[in-house]
Amino acid sequence: MILLVNNKKIMGKHVNKPVQNIIAWVSIAILVGLSITLILMPLLK
């Protein structure tokens, strides 16, 4: 979704600003980290 929203050919003048991209990618990184933690927790106990 982030890559699509940043595509100027698709979105035209409605592409994300750099600050919005930073917030989005940080959020994605946090969610991926939490998901990996949830997968690994039962395996490590």
PDB file of N, CA and C in Angstrom:
ATOM      1  N   MET A   1       0.828  -1.195   0.000  1.00  0.00           N
ATOM      2  CA  MET A   1       0.000   0.000   0.000  1.00  0.00           C
ATOM      3  C   MET A   1       0.868   1.253   0.000  1.00  0.00           C
ATOM      4  N   ILE A   2       1.913   1.244   0.808  1.00  0.00           N
ATOM      5  CA  ILE A   2       2.777   2.426   0.880  1.00  0.00           C
ATOM      6  C   ILE A   2       3.412   2.703  -0.487  1.00  0.00           C
ATOM      7  N   LEU A   3       3.849   1.653  -1.139  1.00  0.00           N
ATOM      8  CA  LEU A   3       4.473   1.842  -2.448  1.00  0.00           C
ATOM      9  C   LEU A   3       3.472   2.364  -3.472  1.00  0.00           C
ATOM     10  N   LEU A   4       2.236   1.904  -3.409  1.00  0.00           N
ATOM     11  CA  LEU A   4       1.208   2.392  -4.331  1.00  0.00           C
ATOM     12  C   LEU A   4       0.882   3.853  -4.070  1.00  0.00           C
ATOM     13  N   VAL A   5       0.787   4.227  -2.800  1.00  0.00           N
ATOM     14  CA  VAL A   5       0.443   5.609  -2.456  1.00  0.00           C
ATOM     15  C   VAL A   5       1.561   6.566  -2.876  1.00  0.00           C
ATOM     16  N   ASN A   6       2.780   6.073  -2.952  1.00  0.00           N
ATOM     17  CA  ASN A   6       3.905   6.926  -3.348  1.00  0.00           C
ATOM     18  C   ASN A   6       4.143   6.958  -4.850  1.00  0.00           C
ATOM     19  N   ASN A   7       3.347   6.222  -5.616  1.00  0.00           N
ATOM     20  CA  ASN A   7       3.504   6.191  -7.064  1.00  0.00           C
ATOM     21  C   ASN A   7       2.797   7.406  -7.678  1.00  0.00           C
ATOM     22  N   LYS A   8       3.596   8.344  -8.189  1.00  0.00           N
ATOM     23  CA  LYS A   8       3.028   9.576  -8.740  1.00  0.00           C
ATOM     24  C   LYS A   8       2.174   9.312  -9.981  1.00  0.00           C
ATOM     25  N   LYS A   9       2.489   8.244 -10.728  1.00  0.00           N
ATOM     26  CA  LYS A   9       1.723   7.902 -11.930  1.00  0.00           C
ATOM     27  C   LYS A   9       0.295   7.475 -11.553  1.00  0.00           C
ATOM     28  N   ILE A  10       0.156   6.798 -10.408  1.00  0.00           N
ATOM     29  CA  ILE A  10      -1.155   6.336  -9.959  1.00  0.00           C
ATOM     30  C   ILE A  10      -1.891   7.419  -9.184  1.00  0.00           C
ATOM     31  N   MET A  11      -1.196   8.065  -8.237  1.00  0.00           N
ATOM     32  CA  MET A  11      -1.833   8.984  -7.301  1.00  0.00           C
ATOM     33  C   MET A  11      -1.807  10.457  -7.738  1.00  0.00           C
ATOM     34  N   GLY A  12      -0.968  10.778  -8.706  1.00  0.00           N
ATOM     35  CA  GLY A  12      -0.885  12.171  -9.156  1.00  0.00           C
ATOM     36  C   GLY A  12      -0.360  13.069  -8.054  1.00  0.00           C
ATOM     37  N   LYS A  13      -1.060  14.154  -7.778  1.00  0.00           N
ATOM     38  CA  LYS A  13      -0.600  15.118  -6.769  1.00  0.00           C
ATOM     39  C   LYS A  13      -0.887  14.657  -5.334  1.00  0.00           C
ATOM     40  N   HIS A  14      -1.510  13.519  -5.163  1.00  0.00           N
ATOM     41  CA  HIS A  14      -1.909  13.041  -3.836  1.00  0.00           C
ATOM     42  C   HIS A  14      -0.918  12.056  -3.214  1.00  0.00           C
ATOM     43  N   VAL A  15       0.329  12.071  -3.662  1.00  0.00           N
ATOM     44  CA  VAL A  15       1.329  11.174  -3.089  1.00  0.00           C
ATOM     45  C   VAL A  15       1.671  11.618  -1.662  1.00  0.00           C
ATOM     46  N   ASN A  16       2.207  10.682  -0.877  1.00  0.00           N
ATOM     47  CA  ASN A  16       2.594  10.983   0.504  1.00  0.00           C
ATOM     48  C   ASN A  16       3.753  11.959   0.555  1.00  0.00           C
ATOM     49  N   LYS A  17       3.781  12.727   1.644  1.00  0.00           N
ATOM     50  CA  LYS A  17       4.915  13.592   1.928  1.00  0.00           C
ATOM     51  C   LYS A  17       5.966  12.768   2.673  1.00  0.00           C
ATOM     52  N   PRO A  18       7.230  13.221   2.699  1.00  0.00           N
ATOM     53  CA  PRO A  18       8.291  12.453   3.356  1.00  0.00           C
ATOM     54  C   PRO A  18       7.995  12.109   4.823  1.00  0.00           C
ATOM     55  N   VAL A  19       7.411  13.031   5.566  1.00  0.00           N
ATOM     56  CA  VAL A  19       7.100  12.759   6.979  1.00  0.00           C
ATOM     57  C   VAL A  19       6.078  11.633   7.091  1.00  0.00           C
ATOM     58  N   GLN A  20       5.094  11.629   6.221  1.00  0.00           N
ATOM     59  CA  GLN A  20       4.096  10.559   6.219  1.00  0.00           C
ATOM     60  C   GLN A  20       4.737   9.223   5.890  1.00  0.00           C
ATOM     61  N   ASN A  21       5.702   9.224   4.988  1.00  0.00           N
ATOM     62  CA  ASN A  21       6.405   7.983   4.635  1.00  0.00           C
ATOM     63  C   ASN A  21       7.216   7.460   5.811  1.00  0.00           C
ATOM     64  N   ILE A  22       7.892   8.351   6.525  1.00  0.00           N
ATOM     65  CA  ILE A  22       8.673   7.930   7.688  1.00  0.00           C
ATOM     66  C   ILE A  22       7.764   7.302   8.738  1.00  0.00           C
ATOM     67  N   ILE A  23       6.655   7.954   9.028  1.00  0.00           N
ATOM     68  CA  ILE A  23       5.706   7.424  10.017  1.00  0.00           C
ATOM     69  C   ILE A  23       5.169   6.069   9.565  1.00  0.00           C
ATOM     70  N   ALA A  24       4.839   5.943   8.294  1.00  0.00           N
ATOM     71  CA  ALA A  24       4.290   4.691   7.772  1.00  0.00           C
ATOM     72  C   ALA A  24       5.311   3.561   7.863  1.00  0.00           C
ATOM     73  N   TRP A  25       6.568   3.808   7.445  1.00  0.00           N
ATOM     74  CA  TRP A  25       7.579   2.752   7.458  1.00  0.00           C
ATOM     75  C   TRP A  25       7.970   2.364   8.874  1.00  0.00           C
ATOM     76  N   VAL A  26       7.996   3.321   9.791  1.00  0.00           N
ATOM     77  CA  VAL A  26       8.279   2.993  11.199  1.00  0.00           C
ATOM     78  C   VAL A  26       7.154   2.128  11.757  1.00  0.00           C
ATOM     79  N   SER A  27       5.922   2.472  11.443  1.00  0.00           N
ATOM     80  CA  SER A  27       4.778   1.676  11.887  1.00  0.00           C
ATOM     81  C   SER A  27       4.844   0.253  11.346  1.00  0.00           C
ATOM     82  N   ILE A  28       5.197   0.124  10.090  1.00  0.00           N
ATOM     83  CA  ILE A  28       5.323  -1.201   9.479  1.00  0.00           C
ATOM     84  C   ILE A  28       6.412  -2.001  10.166  1.00  0.00           C
ATOM     85  N   ALA A  29       7.550  -1.357  10.439  1.00  0.00           N
ATOM     86  CA  ALA A  29       8.660  -2.048  11.105  1.00  0.00           C
ATOM     87  C   ALA A  29       8.253  -2.531  12.495  1.00  0.00           C
ATOM     88  N   ILE A  30       7.528  -1.707  13.235  1.00  0.00           N
ATOM     89  CA  ILE A  30       7.058  -2.097  14.570  1.00  0.00           C
ATOM     90  C   ILE A  30       6.104  -3.282  14.470  1.00  0.00           C
ATOM     91  N   LEU A  31       5.175  -3.234  13.536  1.00  0.00           N
ATOM     92  CA  LEU A  31       4.220  -4.335  13.381  1.00  0.00           C
ATOM     93  C   LEU A  31       4.900  -5.639  12.973  1.00  0.00           C
ATOM     94  N   VAL A  32       5.890  -5.551  12.092  1.00  0.00           N
ATOM     95  CA  VAL A  32       6.626  -6.753  11.692  1.00  0.00           C
ATOM     96  C   VAL A  32       7.379  -7.319  12.885  1.00  0.00           C
ATOM     97  N   GLY A  33       8.020  -6.445  13.656  1.00  0.00           N
ATOM     98  CA  GLY A  33       8.736  -6.888  14.848  1.00  0.00           C
ATOM     99  C   GLY A  33       7.823  -7.564  15.849  1.00  0.00           C
ATOM    100  N   LEU A  34       6.660  -6.986  16.094  1.00  0.00           N
ATOM    101  CA  LEU A  34       5.701  -7.589  17.020  1.00  0.00           C
ATOM    102  C   LEU A  34       5.176  -8.925  16.501  1.00  0.00           C
ATOM    103  N   SER A  35       4.952  -9.018  15.210  1.00  0.00           N
ATOM    104  CA  SER A  35       4.481 -10.281  14.621  1.00  0.00           C
ATOM    105  C   SER A  35       5.529 -11.380  14.758  1.00  0.00           C
ATOM    106  N   ILE A  36       6.778 -11.030  14.501  1.00  0.00           N
ATOM    107  CA  ILE A  36       7.855 -12.013  14.663  1.00  0.00           C
ATOM    108  C   ILE A  36       7.959 -12.453  16.116  1.00  0.00           C
ATOM    109  N   THR A  37       7.820 -11.504  17.036  1.00  0.00           N
ATOM    110  CA  THR A  37       7.850 -11.834  18.460  1.00  0.00           C
ATOM    111  C   THR A  37       6.740 -12.817  18.812  1.00  0.00           C
ATOM    112  N   LEU A  38       5.547 -12.580  18.301  1.00  0.00           N
ATOM    113  CA  LEU A  38       4.422 -13.475  18.587  1.00  0.00           C
ATOM    114  C   LEU A  38       4.649 -14.873  18.026  1.00  0.00           C
ATOM    115  N   ILE A  39       5.317 -14.958  16.890  1.00  0.00           N
ATOM    116  CA  ILE A  39       5.602 -16.266  16.298  1.00  0.00           C
ATOM    117  C   ILE A  39       6.670 -16.989  17.093  1.00  0.00           C
ATOM    118  N   LEU A  40       7.695 -16.271  17.539  1.00  0.00           N
ATOM    119  CA  LEU A  40       8.821 -16.899  18.217  1.00  0.00           C
ATOM    120  C   LEU A  40       8.564 -17.239  19.691  1.00  0.00           C
ATOM    121  N   MET A  41       7.685 -16.507  20.346  1.00  0.00           N
ATOM    122  CA  MET A  41       7.455 -16.724  21.779  1.00  0.00           C
ATOM    123  C   MET A  41       7.067 -18.178  22.114  1.00  0.00           C
ATOM    124  N   PRO A  42       6.108 -18.773  21.431  1.00  0.00           N
ATOM    125  CA  PRO A  42       5.767 -20.157  21.764  1.00  0.00           C
ATOM    126  C   PRO A  42       6.897 -21.154  21.443  1.00  0.00           C
ATOM    127  N   LEU A  43       7.711 -20.829  20.461  1.00  0.00           N
ATOM    128  CA  LEU A  43       8.789 -21.730  20.069  1.00  0.00           C
ATOM    129  C   LEU A  43       9.939 -21.717  21.088  1.00  0.00           C
ATOM    130  N   LEU A  44      10.115 -20.613  21.774  1.00  0.00           N
ATOM    131  CA  LEU A  44      11.232 -20.457  22.697  1.00  0.00           C
ATOM    132  C   LEU A  44      10.911 -20.913  24.121  1.00  0.00           C
ATOM    133  N   LYS A  45       9.668 -21.230  24.407  1.00  0.00           N
ATOM    134  CA  LYS A  45       9.286 -21.641  25.761  1.00  0.00           C
ATOM    135  C   LYS A  45       9.289 -23.132  25.910  1.00  0.00           C
TER     136      LYS A  45
END
